[in-house]
All heavy atoms as atom14 arrays in JSON, in Angstrom:
{
  "sequence": "RFTISRDNAKNTVYLQMNSLKPEDTAVYYCNVKILFENHWGQGT",
  "atom14_mask": [
    [1, 1, 1, 1, 1, 1, 1, 1, 1, 1, 1, 0, 0, 0],
    [1, 1, 1, 1, 1, 1, 1, 1, 1, 1, 1, 0, 0, 0],
    [1, 1, 1, 1, 1, 1, 1, 0, 0, 0, 0, 0, 0, 0],
    [1, 1, 1, 1, 1, 1, 1, 1, 0, 0, 0, 0, 0, 0],
    [1, 1, 1, 1, 1, 1, 0, 0, 0, 0, 0, 0, 0, 0],
    [1, 1, 1, 1, 1, 1, 1, 1, 1, 1, 1, 0, 0, 0],
    [1, 1, 1, 1, 1, 1, 1, 1, 0, 0, 0, 0, 0, 0],
    [1, 1, 1, 1, 1, 1, 1, 1, 0, 0, 0, 0, 0, 0],
    [1, 1, 1, 1, 1, 0, 0, 0, 0, 0, 0, 0, 0, 0],
    [1, 1, 1, 1, 1, 1, 1, 1, 1, 0, 0, 0, 0, 0],
    [1, 1, 1, 1, 1, 1, 1, 1, 0, 0, 0, 0, 0, 0],
    [1, 1, 1, 1, 1, 1, 1, 0, 0, 0, 0, 0, 0, 0],
    [1, 1, 1, 1, 1, 1, 1, 0, 0, 0, 0, 0, 0, 0],
    [1, 1, 1, 1, 1, 1, 1, 1, 1, 1, 1, 1, 0, 0],
    [1, 1, 1, 1, 1, 1, 1, 1, 0, 0, 0, 0, 0, 0],
    [1, 1, 1, 1, 1, 1, 1, 1, 1, 0, 0, 0, 0, 0],
    [1, 1, 1, 1, 1, 1, 1, 1, 0, 0, 0, 0, 0, 0],
    [1, 1, 1, 1, 1, 1, 1, 1, 0, 0, 0, 0, 0, 0],
    [1, 1, 1, 1, 1, 1, 0, 0, 0, 0, 0, 0, 0, 0],
    [1, 1, 1, 1, 1, 1, 1, 1, 0, 0, 0, 0, 0, 0],
    [1, 1, 1, 1, 1, 1, 1, 1, 1, 0, 0, 0, 0, 0],
    [1, 1, 1, 1, 1, 1, 1, 0, 0, 0, 0, 0, 0, 0],
    [1, 1, 1, 1, 1, 1, 1, 1, 1, 0, 0, 0, 0, 0],
    [1, 1, 1, 1, 1, 1, 1, 1, 0, 0, 0, 0, 0, 0],
    [1, 1, 1, 1, 1, 1, 1, 0, 0, 0, 0, 0, 0, 0],
    [1, 1, 1, 1, 1, 0, 0, 0, 0, 0, 0, 0, 0, 0],
    [1, 1, 1, 1, 1, 1, 1, 0, 0, 0, 0, 0, 0, 0],
    [1, 1, 1, 1, 1, 1, 1, 1, 1, 1, 1, 1, 0, 0],
    [1, 1, 1, 1, 1, 1, 1, 1, 1, 1, 1, 1, 0, 0],
    [1, 1, 1, 1, 1, 1, 0, 0, 0, 0, 0, 0, 0, 0],
    [1, 1, 1, 1, 1, 1, 1, 1, 0, 0, 0, 0, 0, 0],
    [1, 1, 1, 1, 1, 1, 1, 0, 0, 0, 0, 0, 0, 0],
    [1, 1, 1, 1, 1, 1, 1, 1, 1, 0, 0, 0, 0, 0],
    [1, 1, 1, 1, 1, 1, 1, 1, 0, 0, 0, 0, 0, 0],
    [1, 1, 1, 1, 1, 1, 1, 1, 0, 0, 0, 0, 0, 0],
    [1, 1, 1, 1, 1, 1, 1, 1, 1, 1, 1, 0, 0, 0],
    [1, 1, 1, 1, 1, 1, 1, 1, 1, 0, 0, 0, 0, 0],
    [1, 1, 1, 1, 1, 1, 1, 1, 0, 0, 0, 0, 0, 0],
    [1, 1, 1, 1, 1, 1, 1, 1, 1, 1, 0, 0, 0, 0],
    [1, 1, 1, 1, 1, 1, 1, 1, 1, 1, 1, 1, 1, 1],
    [1, 1, 1, 1, 0, 0, 0, 0, 0, 0, 0, 0, 0, 0],
    [1, 1, 1, 1, 1, 1, 1, 1, 1, 0, 0, 0, 0, 0],
    [1, 1, 1, 1, 0, 0, 0, 0, 0, 0, 0, 0, 0, 0],
    [1, 1, 1, 1, 1, 1, 1, 0, 0, 0, 0, 0, 0, 0]
  ],
  "atom14_positions": [
    [[8.86, -4.01, 10.83], [9.65, -3.99, 9.59], [9.06, -3.05, 8.54], [9.79, -2.42, 7.79], [9.75, -5.4, 9.0], [10.41, -6.41, 9.91], [10.66, -7.75, 9.2], [9.43, -8.37, 8.73], [9.2, -8.69, 7.47], [10.09, -8.42, 6.53], [8.07, -9.28, 7.13], [0.0, 0.0, 0.0], [0.0, 0.0, 0.0], [0.0, 0.0, 0.0]],
    [[7.73, -3.0, 8.48], [7.06, -2.17, 7.47], [6.42, -0.97, 8.15], [5.95, -1.05, 9.29], [5.96, -2.97, 6.77], [6.44, -4.07, 5.87], [7.77, -4.48, 5.84], [5.53, -4.72, 5.04], [8.2, -5.51, 5.01], [5.94, -5.75, 4.21], [7.27, -6.14, 4.19], [0.0, 0.0, 0.0], [0.0, 0.0, 0.0], [0.0, 0.0, 0.0]],
    [[6.36, 0.14, 7.41], [5.7, 1.35, 7.89], [4.81, 1.91, 6.8], [5.27, 2.16, 5.68], [6.72, 2.42, 8.31], [7.58, 1.88, 9.32], [6.0, 3.64, 8.86], [0.0, 0.0, 0.0], [0.0, 0.0, 0.0], [0.0, 0.0, 0.0], [0.0, 0.0, 0.0], [0.0, 0.0, 0.0], [0.0, 0.0, 0.0], [0.0, 0.0, 0.0]],
    [[3.54, 2.11, 7.14], [2.61, 2.72, 6.19], [2.45, 4.2, 6.55], [2.44, 4.57, 7.73], [1.25, 2.0, 6.2], [0.36, 2.49, 5.05], [0.55, 2.11, 7.55], [-0.91, 1.66, 4.85], [0.0, 0.0, 0.0], [0.0, 0.0, 0.0], [0.0, 0.0, 0.0], [0.0, 0.0, 0.0], [0.0, 0.0, 0.0], [0.0, 0.0, 0.0]],
    [[2.34, 5.03, 5.53], [2.11, 6.45, 5.74], [1.3, 7.0, 4.57], [1.15, 6.34, 3.55], [3.45, 7.2, 5.88], [4.21, 7.06, 4.69], [0.0, 0.0, 0.0], [0.0, 0.0, 0.0], [0.0, 0.0, 0.0], [0.0, 0.0, 0.0], [0.0, 0.0, 0.0], [0.0, 0.0, 0.0], [0.0, 0.0, 0.0], [0.0, 0.0, 0.0]],
    [[0.78, 8.2, 4.75], [-0.02, 8.8, 3.68], [0.23, 10.29, 3.63], [0.52, 10.93, 4.65], [-1.51, 8.5, 3.87], [-2.12, 9.06, 5.13], [-3.54, 8.5, 5.37], [-4.52, 9.09, 4.47], [-5.78, 8.67, 4.39], [-6.19, 7.64, 5.12], [-6.63, 9.27, 3.55], [0.0, 0.0, 0.0], [0.0, 0.0, 0.0], [0.0, 0.0, 0.0]],
    [[0.09, 10.84, 2.43], [0.17, 12.27, 2.2], [-1.18, 12.69, 1.65], [-1.47, 12.47, 0.47], [1.3, 12.6, 1.22], [1.52, 14.09, 1.03], [0.54, 14.86, 1.19], [2.64, 14.48, 0.69], [0.0, 0.0, 0.0], [0.0, 0.0, 0.0], [0.0, 0.0, 0.0], [0.0, 0.0, 0.0], [0.0, 0.0, 0.0], [0.0, 0.0, 0.0]],
    [[-2.02, 13.27, 2.48], [-3.38, 13.59, 2.06], [-3.41, 14.68, 1.0], [-4.31, 14.71, 0.16], [-4.21, 14.01, 3.27], [-4.47, 12.84, 4.21], [-4.59, 11.68, 3.78], [-4.54, 13.12, 5.5], [0.0, 0.0, 0.0], [0.0, 0.0, 0.0], [0.0, 0.0, 0.0], [0.0, 0.0, 0.0], [0.0, 0.0, 0.0], [0.0, 0.0, 0.0]],
    [[-2.44, 15.56, 1.02], [-2.4, 16.62, 0.01], [-2.13, 16.05, -1.37], [-2.56, 16.62, -2.38], [-1.33, 17.64, 0.39], [0.0, 0.0, 0.0], [0.0, 0.0, 0.0], [0.0, 0.0, 0.0], [0.0, 0.0, 0.0], [0.0, 0.0, 0.0], [0.0, 0.0, 0.0], [0.0, 0.0, 0.0], [0.0, 0.0, 0.0], [0.0, 0.0, 0.0]],
    [[-1.41, 14.93, -1.41], [-1.08, 14.31, -2.69], [-1.94, 13.08, -2.98], [-1.75, 12.43, -4.0], [0.39, 13.89, -2.69], [1.37, 15.04, -2.61], [2.81, 14.54, -2.65], [3.8, 15.7, -2.59], [5.21, 15.22, -2.63], [0.0, 0.0, 0.0], [0.0, 0.0, 0.0], [0.0, 0.0, 0.0], [0.0, 0.0, 0.0], [0.0, 0.0, 0.0]],
    [[-2.86, 12.76, -2.06], [-3.69, 11.55, -2.23], [-2.82, 10.32, -2.5], [-3.11, 9.52, -3.4], [-4.72, 11.73, -3.35], [-5.89, 12.59, -2.92], [-6.11, 12.83, -1.73], [-6.66, 13.06, -3.88], [0.0, 0.0, 0.0], [0.0, 0.0, 0.0], [0.0, 0.0, 0.0], [0.0, 0.0, 0.0], [0.0, 0.0, 0.0], [0.0, 0.0, 0.0]],
    [[-1.78, 10.18, -1.71], [-0.81, 9.11, -1.93], [-0.56, 8.35, -0.64], [-0.48, 8.97, 0.43], [0.51, 9.68, -2.47], [0.26, 10.35, -3.72], [1.53, 8.58, -2.7], [0.0, 0.0, 0.0], [0.0, 0.0, 0.0], [0.0, 0.0, 0.0], [0.0, 0.0, 0.0], [0.0, 0.0, 0.0], [0.0, 0.0, 0.0], [0.0, 0.0, 0.0]],
    [[-0.45, 7.04, -0.77], [-0.11, 6.2, 0.37], [1.2, 5.49, 0.07], [1.47, 5.14, -1.09], [-1.24, 5.19, 0.7], [-1.51, 4.27, -0.48], [-0.95, 4.41, 1.96], [0.0, 0.0, 0.0], [0.0, 0.0, 0.0], [0.0, 0.0, 0.0], [0.0, 0.0, 0.0], [0.0, 0.0, 0.0], [0.0, 0.0, 0.0], [0.0, 0.0, 0.0]],
    [[2.0, 5.3, 1.09], [3.31, 4.69, 0.95], [3.43, 3.46, 1.85], [2.76, 3.36, 2.88], [4.42, 5.68, 1.34], [4.35, 7.0, 0.61], [3.72, 8.1, 1.19], [4.92, 7.15, -0.64], [3.66, 9.32, 0.53], [4.87, 8.37, -1.31], [4.23, 9.45, -0.72], [4.17, 10.65, -1.38], [0.0, 0.0, 0.0], [0.0, 0.0, 0.0]],
    [[4.3, 2.56, 1.45], [4.65, 1.43, 2.3], [6.17, 1.28, 2.27], [6.74, 0.89, 1.25], [3.99, 0.13, 1.83], [4.2, -1.07, 2.74], [3.49, -0.86, 4.08], [3.73, -2.37, 2.08], [0.0, 0.0, 0.0], [0.0, 0.0, 0.0], [0.0, 0.0, 0.0], [0.0, 0.0, 0.0], [0.0, 0.0, 0.0], [0.0, 0.0, 0.0]],
    [[6.8, 1.63, 3.37], [8.24, 1.44, 3.53], [8.47, 0.04, 4.06], [7.99, -0.29, 5.15], [8.83, 2.48, 4.48], [10.32, 2.33, 4.72], [11.16, 2.6, 3.48], [10.89, 3.56, 2.75], [12.14, 1.75, 3.23], [0.0, 0.0, 0.0], [0.0, 0.0, 0.0], [0.0, 0.0, 0.0], [0.0, 0.0, 0.0], [0.0, 0.0, 0.0]],
    [[9.19, -0.76, 3.31], [9.43, -2.16, 3.67], [10.92, -2.35, 3.94], [11.74, -2.19, 3.01], [8.96, -3.09, 2.55], [7.49, -2.87, 2.17], [6.89, -4.09, 0.99], [7.85, -3.63, -0.44], [0.0, 0.0, 0.0], [0.0, 0.0, 0.0], [0.0, 0.0, 0.0], [0.0, 0.0, 0.0], [0.0, 0.0, 0.0], [0.0, 0.0, 0.0]],
    [[11.26, -2.66, 5.17], [12.65, -2.89, 5.56], [12.83, -4.35, 6.0], [11.87, -5.04, 6.29], [13.03, -1.95, 6.71], [12.96, -0.5, 6.32], [13.17, -0.12, 5.16], [12.65, 0.36, 7.3], [0.0, 0.0, 0.0], [0.0, 0.0, 0.0], [0.0, 0.0, 0.0], [0.0, 0.0, 0.0], [0.0, 0.0, 0.0], [0.0, 0.0, 0.0]],
    [[14.08, -4.75, 6.06], [14.41, -6.11, 6.51], [13.57, -7.15, 5.78], [12.99, -8.05, 6.39], [14.2, -6.24, 8.03], [14.98, -5.3, 8.72], [0.0, 0.0, 0.0], [0.0, 0.0, 0.0], [0.0, 0.0, 0.0], [0.0, 0.0, 0.0], [0.0, 0.0, 0.0], [0.0, 0.0, 0.0], [0.0, 0.0, 0.0], [0.0, 0.0, 0.0]],
    [[13.52, -7.02, 4.48], [12.66, -7.9, 3.68], [13.14, -9.34, 3.74], [14.35, -9.62, 3.8], [12.61, -7.4, 2.24], [11.68, -6.2, 2.03], [12.01, -5.46, 0.75], [10.23, -6.67, 2.01], [0.0, 0.0, 0.0], [0.0, 0.0, 0.0], [0.0, 0.0, 0.0], [0.0, 0.0, 0.0], [0.0, 0.0, 0.0], [0.0, 0.0, 0.0]],
    [[12.16, -10.24, 3.71], [12.4, -11.68, 3.78], [11.86, -12.35, 2.5], [10.93, -11.82, 1.88], [11.7, -12.27, 4.99], [12.05, -11.62, 6.31], [11.21, -12.21, 7.44], [11.53, -11.56, 8.78], [10.7, -12.13, 9.88], [0.0, 0.0, 0.0], [0.0, 0.0, 0.0], [0.0, 0.0, 0.0], [0.0, 0.0, 0.0], [0.0, 0.0, 0.0]],
    [[12.39, -13.51, 2.17], [11.85, -14.22, 0.98], [10.34, -14.45, 1.06], [9.65, -14.4, 0.04], [12.63, -15.53, 0.99], [13.93, -15.18, 1.64], [13.59, -14.17, 2.69], [0.0, 0.0, 0.0], [0.0, 0.0, 0.0], [0.0, 0.0, 0.0], [0.0, 0.0, 0.0], [0.0, 0.0, 0.0], [0.0, 0.0, 0.0], [0.0, 0.0, 0.0]],
    [[9.83, -14.64, 2.26], [8.39, -14.88, 2.41], [7.55, -13.63, 2.2], [6.32, -13.71, 2.16], [8.07, -15.49, 3.79], [8.67, -14.76, 4.97], [10.0, -15.37, 5.42], [10.83, -15.73, 4.55], [10.19, -15.48, 6.65], [0.0, 0.0, 0.0], [0.0, 0.0, 0.0], [0.0, 0.0, 0.0], [0.0, 0.0, 0.0], [0.0, 0.0, 0.0]],
    [[8.19, -12.48, 2.04], [7.46, -11.25, 1.68], [7.17, -11.19, 0.18], [6.44, -10.29, -0.27], [8.26, -10.01, 2.08], [8.44, -9.88, 3.58], [7.48, -10.16, 4.33], [9.54, -9.49, 4.01], [0.0, 0.0, 0.0], [0.0, 0.0, 0.0], [0.0, 0.0, 0.0], [0.0, 0.0, 0.0], [0.0, 0.0, 0.0], [0.0, 0.0, 0.0]],
    [[7.75, -12.11, -0.58], [7.54, -12.12, -2.02], [6.06, -12.29, -2.34], [5.42, -13.23, -1.88], [8.35, -13.26, -2.67], [9.74, -13.0, -2.49], [8.03, -13.37, -4.15], [0.0, 0.0, 0.0], [0.0, 0.0, 0.0], [0.0, 0.0, 0.0], [0.0, 0.0, 0.0], [0.0, 0.0, 0.0], [0.0, 0.0, 0.0], [0.0, 0.0, 0.0]],
    [[5.53, -11.35, -3.14], [4.1, -11.36, -3.47], [3.82, -10.19, -4.41], [4.68, -9.34, -4.63], [3.24, -11.21, -2.22], [0.0, 0.0, 0.0], [0.0, 0.0, 0.0], [0.0, 0.0, 0.0], [0.0, 0.0, 0.0], [0.0, 0.0, 0.0], [0.0, 0.0, 0.0], [0.0, 0.0, 0.0], [0.0, 0.0, 0.0], [0.0, 0.0, 0.0]],
    [[2.61, -10.18, -4.94], [2.11, -8.98, -5.61], [1.44, -8.13, -4.54], [0.6, -8.63, -3.78], [1.11, -9.32, -6.74], [0.57, -8.04, -7.36], [1.78, -10.2, -7.79], [0.0, 0.0, 0.0], [0.0, 0.0, 0.0], [0.0, 0.0, 0.0], [0.0, 0.0, 0.0], [0.0, 0.0, 0.0], [0.0, 0.0, 0.0], [0.0, 0.0, 0.0]],
    [[1.81, -6.86, -4.49], [1.27, -5.94, -3.5], [0.26, -5.01, -4.16], [0.55, -4.39, -5.19], [2.4, -5.14, -2.85], [3.17, -5.95, -1.85], [4.03, -6.98, -2.27], [3.03, -5.74, -0.47], [4.71, -7.76, -1.36], [3.72, -6.52, 0.44], [4.55, -7.52, 0.0], [5.23, -8.3, 0.91], [0.0, 0.0, 0.0], [0.0, 0.0, 0.0]],
    [[-0.92, -4.94, -3.56], [-2.02, -4.14, -4.09], [-2.37, -3.0, -3.15], [-2.5, -3.19, -1.93], [-3.27, -5.01, -4.27], [-3.13, -6.11, -5.28], [-2.7, -7.37, -4.9], [-3.45, -5.9, -6.62], [-2.58, -8.4, -5.83], [-3.33, -6.91, -7.55], [-2.9, -8.16, -7.15], [-2.79, -9.17, -8.07], [0.0, 0.0, 0.0], [0.0, 0.0, 0.0]],
    [[-2.54, -1.86, -3.72], [-3.03, -0.69, -2.98], [-4.56, -0.74, -2.93], [-5.2, -1.14, -3.92], [-2.56, 0.57, -3.68], [-3.19, 2.1, -3.01], [0.0, 0.0, 0.0], [0.0, 0.0, 0.0], [0.0, 0.0, 0.0], [0.0, 0.0, 0.0], [0.0, 0.0, 0.0], [0.0, 0.0, 0.0], [0.0, 0.0, 0.0], [0.0, 0.0, 0.0]],
    [[-5.13, -0.35, -1.82], [-6.58, -0.31, -1.66], [-6.98, 0.99, -0.97], [-6.35, 1.39, 0.0], [-7.05, -1.5, -0.83], [-8.53, -1.39, -0.45], [-8.86, -0.8, 0.57], [-9.38, -1.96, -1.26], [0.0, 0.0, 0.0], [0.0, 0.0, 0.0], [0.0, 0.0, 0.0], [0.0, 0.0, 0.0], [0.0, 0.0, 0.0], [0.0, 0.0, 0.0]],
    [[-8.01, 1.63, -1.48], [-8.54, 2.81, -0.8], [-10.06, 2.69, -0.71], [-10.71, 2.08, -1.57], [-8.17, 4.13, -1.52], [-6.67, 4.29, -1.58], [-8.79, 4.21, -2.9], [0.0, 0.0, 0.0], [0.0, 0.0, 0.0], [0.0, 0.0, 0.0], [0.0, 0.0, 0.0], [0.0, 0.0, 0.0], [0.0, 0.0, 0.0], [0.0, 0.0, 0.0]],
    [[-10.61, 3.26, 0.35], [-12.05, 3.29, 0.55], [-12.54, 4.73, 0.42], [-12.06, 5.61, 1.14], [-12.42, 2.71, 1.91], [-12.15, 1.22, 2.0], [-12.49, 0.65, 3.35], [-12.37, -0.85, 3.4], [-11.03, -1.33, 3.04], [0.0, 0.0, 0.0], [0.0, 0.0, 0.0], [0.0, 0.0, 0.0], [0.0, 0.0, 0.0], [0.0, 0.0, 0.0]],
    [[-13.45, 4.93, -0.49], [-14.03, 6.25, -0.73], [-15.54, 6.09, -0.6], [-16.15, 5.34, -1.37], [-13.64, 6.78, -2.11], [-12.11, 6.9, -2.22], [-14.3, 8.13, -2.37], [-11.62, 7.26, -3.59], [0.0, 0.0, 0.0], [0.0, 0.0, 0.0], [0.0, 0.0, 0.0], [0.0, 0.0, 0.0], [0.0, 0.0, 0.0], [0.0, 0.0, 0.0]],
    [[-16.11, 6.81, 0.36], [-17.5, 6.61, 0.75], [-17.66, 5.13, 1.1], [-17.04, 4.66, 2.02], [-18.44, 7.06, -0.37], [-18.43, 8.56, -0.68], [-19.4, 8.9, -1.78], [-18.71, 9.37, 0.58], [0.0, 0.0, 0.0], [0.0, 0.0, 0.0], [0.0, 0.0, 0.0], [0.0, 0.0, 0.0], [0.0, 0.0, 0.0], [0.0, 0.0, 0.0]],
    [[-18.46, 4.38, 0.38], [-18.67, 2.97, 0.71], [-18.07, 2.04, -0.33], [-18.38, 0.85, -0.36], [-20.16, 2.69, 0.87], [-20.8, 3.52, 1.94], [-21.61, 4.59, 1.62], [-20.56, 3.24, 3.28], [-22.19, 5.37, 2.6], [-21.14, 4.01, 4.28], [-21.95, 5.08, 3.94], [0.0, 0.0, 0.0], [0.0, 0.0, 0.0], [0.0, 0.0, 0.0]],
    [[-17.19, 2.56, -1.16], [-16.63, 1.76, -2.24], [-15.15, 1.46, -2.02], [-14.4, 2.3, -1.53], [-16.8, 2.48, -3.58], [-18.26, 2.59, -4.03], [-18.37, 3.16, -5.42], [-17.34, 3.6, -5.97], [-19.48, 3.17, -5.97], [0.0, 0.0, 0.0], [0.0, 0.0, 0.0], [0.0, 0.0, 0.0], [0.0, 0.0, 0.0], [0.0, 0.0, 0.0]],
    [[-14.75, 0.26, -2.41], [-13.35, -0.14, -2.41], [-12.78, 0.04, -3.8], [-13.41, -0.3, -4.79], [-13.22, -1.62, -2.05], [-13.11, -1.83, -0.57], [-12.27, -1.24, 0.08], [-13.96, -2.68, -0.03], [0.0, 0.0, 0.0], [0.0, 0.0, 0.0], [0.0, 0.0, 0.0], [0.0, 0.0, 0.0], [0.0, 0.0, 0.0], [0.0, 0.0, 0.0]],
    [[-11.56, 0.54, -3.86], [-10.87, 0.71, -5.13], [-9.5, 0.07, -5.01], [-8.82, 0.22, -3.98], [-10.73, 2.19, -5.5], [-12.04, 2.89, -5.63], [-12.74, 2.97, -6.83], [-12.8, 3.54, -4.7], [-13.85, 3.64, -6.63], [-13.92, 3.99, -5.37], [0.0, 0.0, 0.0], [0.0, 0.0, 0.0], [0.0, 0.0, 0.0], [0.0, 0.0, 0.0]],
    [[-9.08, -0.63, -6.08], [-7.83, -1.38, -6.05], [-6.87, -0.91, -7.14], [-7.3, -0.54, -8.25], [-8.11, -2.86, -6.27], [-8.84, -3.51, -5.16], [-10.19, -3.66, -5.03], [-8.27, -4.1, -3.98], [-10.49, -4.3, -3.86], [-9.33, -4.58, -3.2], [-6.96, -4.27, -3.52], [-9.13, -5.24, -1.97], [-6.77, -4.91, -2.3], [-7.84, -5.37, -1.54]],
    [[-5.59, -0.96, -6.82], [-4.58, -0.73, -7.83], [-4.34, -1.99, -8.63], [-4.92, -3.05, -8.36], [0.0, 0.0, 0.0], [0.0, 0.0, 0.0], [0.0, 0.0, 0.0], [0.0, 0.0, 0.0], [0.0, 0.0, 0.0], [0.0, 0.0, 0.0], [0.0, 0.0, 0.0], [0.0, 0.0, 0.0], [0.0, 0.0, 0.0], [0.0, 0.0, 0.0]],
    [[-3.46, -1.88, -9.62], [-3.21, -3.0, -10.53], [-2.23, -4.02, -9.94], [-2.11, -5.13, -10.45], [-2.67, -2.48, -11.87], [-1.19, -2.11, -11.88], [-0.89, -0.78, -11.22], [-1.77, -0.08, -10.73], [0.39, -0.41, -11.22], [0.0, 0.0, 0.0], [0.0, 0.0, 0.0], [0.0, 0.0, 0.0], [0.0, 0.0, 0.0], [0.0, 0.0, 0.0]],
    [[-1.55, -3.64, -8.88], [-0.59, -4.53, -8.24], [0.82, -4.28, -8.71], [1.05, -3.93, -9.87], [0.0, 0.0, 0.0], [0.0, 0.0, 0.0], [0.0, 0.0, 0.0], [0.0, 0.0, 0.0], [0.0, 0.0, 0.0], [0.0, 0.0, 0.0], [0.0, 0.0, 0.0], [0.0, 0.0, 0.0], [0.0, 0.0, 0.0], [0.0, 0.0, 0.0]],
    [[1.76, -4.46, -7.8], [3.17, -4.34, -8.14], [3.91, -5.52, -7.51], [3.68, -5.87, -6.34], [3.75, -2.99, -7.66], [5.1, -2.87, -8.1], [3.69, -2.84, -6.15], [0.0, 0.0, 0.0], [0.0, 0.0, 0.0], [0.0, 0.0, 0.0], [0.0, 0.0, 0.0], [0.0, 0.0, 0.0], [0.0, 0.0, 0.0], [0.0, 0.0, 0.0]]
  ]
}
């Protein structure tokens, strides 16, 4: 149902979510690892 992809030239990651269900309801957070550190988005 979901597909993750990335555009390295734009430093952007995507999540295509299809056939969504009520149980998918949540705050979604982006995470990236750079060297040995984790970085988080603010959530959507």
